[in-house]
Amino acid sequence: MRTAIVSDIHGNLEALQSVLQDIKSQGCDRVVCLGDVVGYGPNPCECLDIVTTLDACVLGNHDYGALIDPEGFSSAAEQAIFWTRKQLESANDPNAALRRLEYLAKLPRMITEGNILFVHGSVRNPLNEYVFPEDVFNRRKMEKLFSMVQGYTFQGHTHAPGVFSTNMQFARPDEINYKMELPDDKAMINVGSVGQPRDGDWRSCYLILEGNRIEYRRVEYDIDTTVNKIFAIAELDNFLGERLREGR
């Protein structure tokens, strides 16, 4: 089975559409989303409607913030999530609004399939814990996380793609030529971000899993349209558009 794993769409419709088109061209059997469907971007409703048609999705912290309350958000992120909530609640069709909110409310915080875990943040804190590339230098944190990992954990949240191994190494996609065979024991794999990459590459990032092999995919999209949409919405800080061009 070829499983496409996407994460951190953040209301970026153009990026999501381009990624799904690429997924189709790769003959994937299913698509799993690791959360943060909304937040930051200008098309939360449209992105959410598309994600409801995917095979599986877990809850992200921005999805939770749109439903309940944003925790630890920057001022720009908080302003964006309140605007996002308003969009979700004020649809022209009340049934559509209810359907979207109910979908978010029912999302699980993790999905387990044998020795594979799908989660937004981490195995320890599915919603909010960041596992950054530089955490390989925090041996205590990494050892604790790996003690809780049963096999392969696929996660998002940091928007920084790469593979953490038990020998305290982090391999970026370009360092493994975008493909690798996962180790026999354990690994934590960050799939990157569809809608707001932060690794210096503006292109959308997602991952394909087949057996124990992974392949990272980078996909170009109509970034100008997304940026201009953000600039046209007063409640969305211009920085949220500017950072897309820089992949940060």
Protein backbone atom coordinates (compact mmCIF):
# COMPACT_ATOMS: atom_id res chain seq x y z
CA MET A 1 0.00 0.00 0.00
CA ARG A 2 1.23 3.45 -0.92
CA THR A 3 0.16 5.96 1.74
CA ALA A 4 0.50 9.67 1.13
CA ILE A 5 0.96 11.57 4.41
CA VAL A 6 0.27 15.30 4.46
CA SER A 7 0.33 17.81 7.30
CA ASP A 8 0.00 21.48 8.21
CA ILE A 9 -2.15 22.64 5.29
CA HIS A 10 -3.07 25.82 7.16
CA GLY A 11 -5.83 27.02 4.89
CA ASN A 12 -3.60 27.13 1.80
CA LEU A 13 -5.98 25.93 -0.90
CA GLU A 14 -3.62 26.32 -3.85
CA ALA A 15 -0.95 24.25 -2.12
CA LEU A 16 -3.40 21.54 -1.10
CA GLN A 17 -4.85 21.22 -4.60
CA SER A 18 -1.40 20.94 -6.15
CA VAL A 19 -0.28 18.33 -3.62
CA LEU A 20 -3.39 16.21 -4.13
CA GLN A 21 -2.83 16.35 -7.87
CA ASP A 22 0.73 15.14 -7.34
CA ILE A 23 -0.49 12.39 -5.00
CA LYS A 24 -2.87 11.19 -7.71
CA SER A 25 -0.03 11.09 -10.24
CA GLN A 26 1.98 8.89 -7.84
CA GLY A 27 -0.68 6.20 -7.66
CA CYS A 28 -1.19 6.40 -3.90
CA ASP A 29 -3.84 4.18 -2.34
CA ARG A 30 -4.83 6.51 0.47
CA VAL A 31 -4.11 9.89 2.05
CA VAL A 32 -3.60 10.52 5.76
CA CYS A 33 -3.51 14.07 7.19
CA LEU A 34 -1.60 14.91 10.37
CA GLY A 35 -3.65 17.97 11.30
CA ASP A 36 -3.53 21.75 11.22
CA VAL A 37 -5.90 21.87 8.29
CA VAL A 38 -6.75 25.47 9.22
CA GLY A 39 -4.98 28.51 10.68
CA TYR A 40 -2.80 31.17 9.03
CA GLY A 41 -4.19 30.73 5.51
CA PRO A 42 -7.06 32.38 3.60
CA ASN A 43 -9.20 29.33 2.71
CA PRO A 44 -10.00 27.35 5.87
CA CYS A 45 -13.48 26.23 4.79
CA GLU A 46 -12.41 25.03 1.36
CA CYS A 47 -9.41 23.13 2.74
CA LEU A 48 -11.47 21.53 5.46
CA ASP A 49 -14.10 20.40 2.96
CA ILE A 50 -11.39 18.67 0.93
CA VAL A 51 -9.77 17.02 3.96
CA THR A 52 -13.12 15.53 5.02
CA THR A 53 -12.92 13.42 1.84
CA LEU A 54 -9.49 11.99 2.72
CA ASP A 55 -9.01 8.59 4.33
CA ALA A 56 -7.94 9.76 7.79
CA CYS A 57 -6.96 12.85 9.77
CA VAL A 58 -5.79 13.67 13.28
CA LEU A 59 -6.37 16.86 15.26
CA GLY A 60 -3.79 19.66 15.09
CA ASN A 61 -3.28 22.47 17.58
CA HIS A 62 -4.65 25.08 15.15
CA ASP A 63 -7.70 22.91 14.49
CA TYR A 64 -8.18 22.74 18.26
CA GLY A 65 -7.63 26.50 18.56
CA ALA A 66 -10.35 27.17 16.01
CA LEU A 67 -12.74 25.04 18.05
CA ILE A 68 -11.84 25.87 21.64
CA ASP A 69 -9.04 28.31 22.43
CA PRO A 70 -5.59 29.00 21.01
CA GLU A 71 -2.83 28.18 23.51
CA GLY A 72 0.62 29.69 23.25
CA PHE A 73 -0.05 31.33 19.89
CA SER A 74 1.80 34.39 18.65
CA SER A 75 -0.29 37.51 18.16
CA ALA A 76 -0.45 36.99 14.37
CA ALA A 77 -1.38 33.33 14.78
CA GLU A 78 -4.01 34.15 17.39
CA GLN A 79 -5.58 36.86 15.24
CA ALA A 80 -5.60 34.45 12.29
CA ILE A 81 -7.24 31.66 14.27
CA PHE A 82 -10.02 33.95 15.53
CA TRP A 83 -10.65 35.03 11.93
CA THR A 84 -10.59 31.35 10.91
CA ARG A 85 -13.16 30.49 13.56
CA LYS A 86 -15.42 33.22 12.26
CA GLN A 87 -15.18 31.77 8.74
CA LEU A 88 -16.02 28.29 9.95
CA GLU A 89 -18.99 29.50 11.99
CA SER A 90 -20.47 31.99 9.53
CA ALA A 91 -20.90 29.92 6.38
CA ASN A 92 -23.82 30.86 4.18
CA ASP A 93 -25.13 27.35 4.71
CA PRO A 94 -25.66 26.68 8.45
CA ASN A 95 -25.55 22.94 7.78
CA ALA A 96 -22.12 23.30 6.19
CA ALA A 97 -20.85 25.25 9.19
CA LEU A 98 -22.18 22.61 11.58
CA ARG A 99 -20.71 19.81 9.49
CA ARG A 100 -17.23 21.39 9.49
CA LEU A 101 -17.21 22.06 13.22
CA GLU A 102 -18.47 18.57 14.01
CA TYR A 103 -15.76 17.08 11.80
CA LEU A 104 -13.04 18.95 13.70
CA ALA A 105 -14.60 18.08 17.06
CA LYS A 106 -14.51 14.36 16.27
CA LEU A 107 -10.93 14.18 15.02
CA PRO A 108 -8.73 11.81 17.08
CA ARG A 109 -5.47 12.98 18.58
CA MET A 110 -3.62 9.97 17.21
CA ILE A 111 -4.15 7.00 14.94
CA THR A 112 -2.32 3.72 15.52
CA GLU A 113 -1.86 1.02 12.89
CA GLY A 114 0.30 -1.80 14.24
CA ASN A 115 3.71 -0.28 14.95
CA ILE A 116 2.88 2.93 13.05
CA LEU A 117 1.58 6.04 14.80
CA PHE A 118 0.12 9.08 13.08
CA VAL A 119 0.11 12.21 15.23
CA HIS A 120 0.37 15.98 14.88
CA GLY A 121 2.88 16.92 17.58
CA SER A 122 4.61 14.00 19.28
CA VAL A 123 3.95 10.60 20.81
CA ARG A 124 4.15 12.24 24.26
CA ASN A 125 1.96 15.26 23.56
CA PRO A 126 -0.03 14.65 20.38
CA LEU A 127 -1.35 18.19 20.11
CA ASN A 128 1.31 20.63 21.22
CA GLU A 129 4.83 19.23 21.61
CA TYR A 130 7.36 20.38 19.03
CA VAL A 131 10.20 18.03 18.09
CA PHE A 132 12.70 20.28 16.34
CA PRO A 133 15.75 19.11 14.37
CA GLU A 134 18.03 20.63 17.00
CA ASP A 135 16.43 18.45 19.67
CA VAL A 136 18.89 15.72 18.69
CA PHE A 137 21.24 17.59 21.04
CA ASN A 138 18.73 17.19 23.88
CA ARG A 139 19.45 13.56 24.66
CA ARG A 140 17.11 13.39 27.63
CA LYS A 141 14.14 14.58 25.57
CA MET A 142 14.88 12.31 22.63
CA GLU A 143 15.45 9.23 24.77
CA LYS A 144 12.14 9.83 26.52
CA LEU A 145 10.30 10.22 23.22
CA PHE A 146 11.89 7.14 21.68
CA SER A 147 11.03 5.12 24.80
CA MET A 148 7.38 5.79 23.97
CA VAL A 149 7.70 5.03 20.25
CA GLN A 150 6.78 1.48 19.28
CA GLY A 151 8.01 1.64 15.70
CA TYR A 152 7.50 4.51 13.29
CA THR A 153 5.87 7.76 14.35
CA PHE A 154 4.80 10.15 11.58
CA GLN A 155 4.36 13.71 12.80
CA GLY A 156 4.14 17.34 11.68
CA HIS A 157 3.76 20.56 13.72
CA THR A 158 7.28 22.00 13.20
CA HIS A 159 6.89 22.27 9.39
CA ALA A 160 10.50 20.98 9.15
CA PRO A 161 10.71 17.63 7.29
CA GLY A 162 13.22 14.98 8.19
CA VAL A 163 13.89 11.69 9.97
CA PHE A 164 14.94 11.30 13.62
CA SER A 165 16.79 8.08 14.43
CA THR A 166 17.65 6.49 17.78
CA ASN A 167 21.33 7.35 17.33
CA MET A 168 20.37 11.02 17.84
CA GLN A 169 20.63 11.99 14.20
CA PHE A 170 18.27 14.08 12.07
CA ALA A 171 18.34 13.59 8.31
CA ARG A 172 16.83 16.29 6.09
CA PRO A 173 15.14 15.17 2.87
CA ASP A 174 17.92 16.60 0.68
CA GLU A 175 20.51 14.72 2.75
CA ILE A 176 18.89 11.38 1.91
CA ASN A 177 18.15 12.26 -1.72
CA TYR A 178 14.48 12.48 -0.71
CA LYS A 179 14.23 8.69 -0.26
CA MET A 180 15.27 6.19 2.38
CA GLU A 181 14.55 2.82 3.91
CA LEU A 182 13.51 3.28 7.51
CA PRO A 183 15.61 1.56 10.21
CA ASP A 184 14.40 -1.78 11.57
CA ASP A 185 13.81 -0.54 15.09
CA LYS A 186 12.36 2.96 15.50
CA ALA A 187 12.16 6.34 13.80
CA MET A 188 10.25 9.59 14.14
CA ILE A 189 9.47 11.05 10.75
CA ASN A 190 8.37 14.65 10.22
CA VAL A 191 6.49 14.85 6.93
CA GLY A 192 6.88 18.61 6.48
CA SER A 193 4.15 21.10 5.59
CA VAL A 194 1.81 21.41 2.65
CA GLY A 195 0.72 24.98 3.27
CA GLN A 196 3.56 26.71 5.11
CA PRO A 197 7.01 25.09 4.74
CA ARG A 198 9.67 26.40 7.12
CA ASP A 199 12.82 24.68 5.93
CA GLY A 200 13.91 27.35 3.47
CA ASP A 201 12.09 25.76 0.53
CA TRP A 202 8.81 27.45 -0.42
CA ARG A 203 7.45 24.37 -2.21
CA SER A 204 4.85 22.20 -0.50
CA CYS A 205 6.21 19.07 1.16
CA TYR A 206 4.60 15.71 1.80
CA LEU A 207 5.67 12.09 2.11
CA ILE A 208 4.80 8.73 0.59
CA LEU A 209 5.12 5.58 2.71
CA GLU A 210 5.33 2.16 1.08
CA GLY A 211 6.32 -0.72 3.35
CA ASN A 212 9.32 0.60 5.26
CA ARG A 213 10.41 2.97 2.52
CA ILE A 214 9.62 6.68 2.42
CA GLU A 215 9.85 9.27 -0.29
CA TYR A 216 9.59 13.03 0.22
CA ARG A 217 7.89 15.04 -2.51
CA ARG A 218 8.22 18.79 -3.12
CA VAL A 219 5.43 20.38 -5.12
CA GLU A 220 5.20 23.85 -6.62
CA TYR A 221 1.90 25.71 -6.40
CA ASP A 222 0.42 29.09 -7.34
CA ILE A 223 2.01 30.92 -4.43
CA ASP A 224 1.19 34.39 -5.78
CA THR A 225 -2.53 33.71 -5.58
CA THR A 226 -2.26 32.54 -1.97
CA VAL A 227 -0.08 35.48 -0.92
CA ASN A 228 -2.40 38.02 -2.55
CA LYS A 229 -5.40 36.47 -0.80
CA ILE A 230 -3.65 36.88 2.55
CA PHE A 231 -2.72 40.49 1.80
CA ALA A 232 -6.37 41.23 0.97
CA ILE A 233 -7.63 40.04 4.37
CA ALA A 234 -7.08 42.65 7.08
CA GLU A 235 -7.23 40.10 9.90
CA LEU A 236 -4.34 38.10 8.41
CA ASP A 237 -0.94 39.66 9.03
CA ASN A 238 1.00 40.36 5.81
CA PHE A 239 3.88 38.43 7.38
CA LEU A 240 1.84 35.25 6.90
CA GLY A 241 2.04 35.81 3.16
CA GLU A 242 5.61 37.05 3.05
CA ARG A 243 6.93 34.03 4.91
CA LEU A 244 5.48 31.68 2.28
CA ARG A 245 7.85 33.03 -0.36
CA GLU A 246 10.85 32.43 1.91
CA GLY A 247 9.81 29.05 3.28
CA ARG A 248 10.14 30.17 6.87
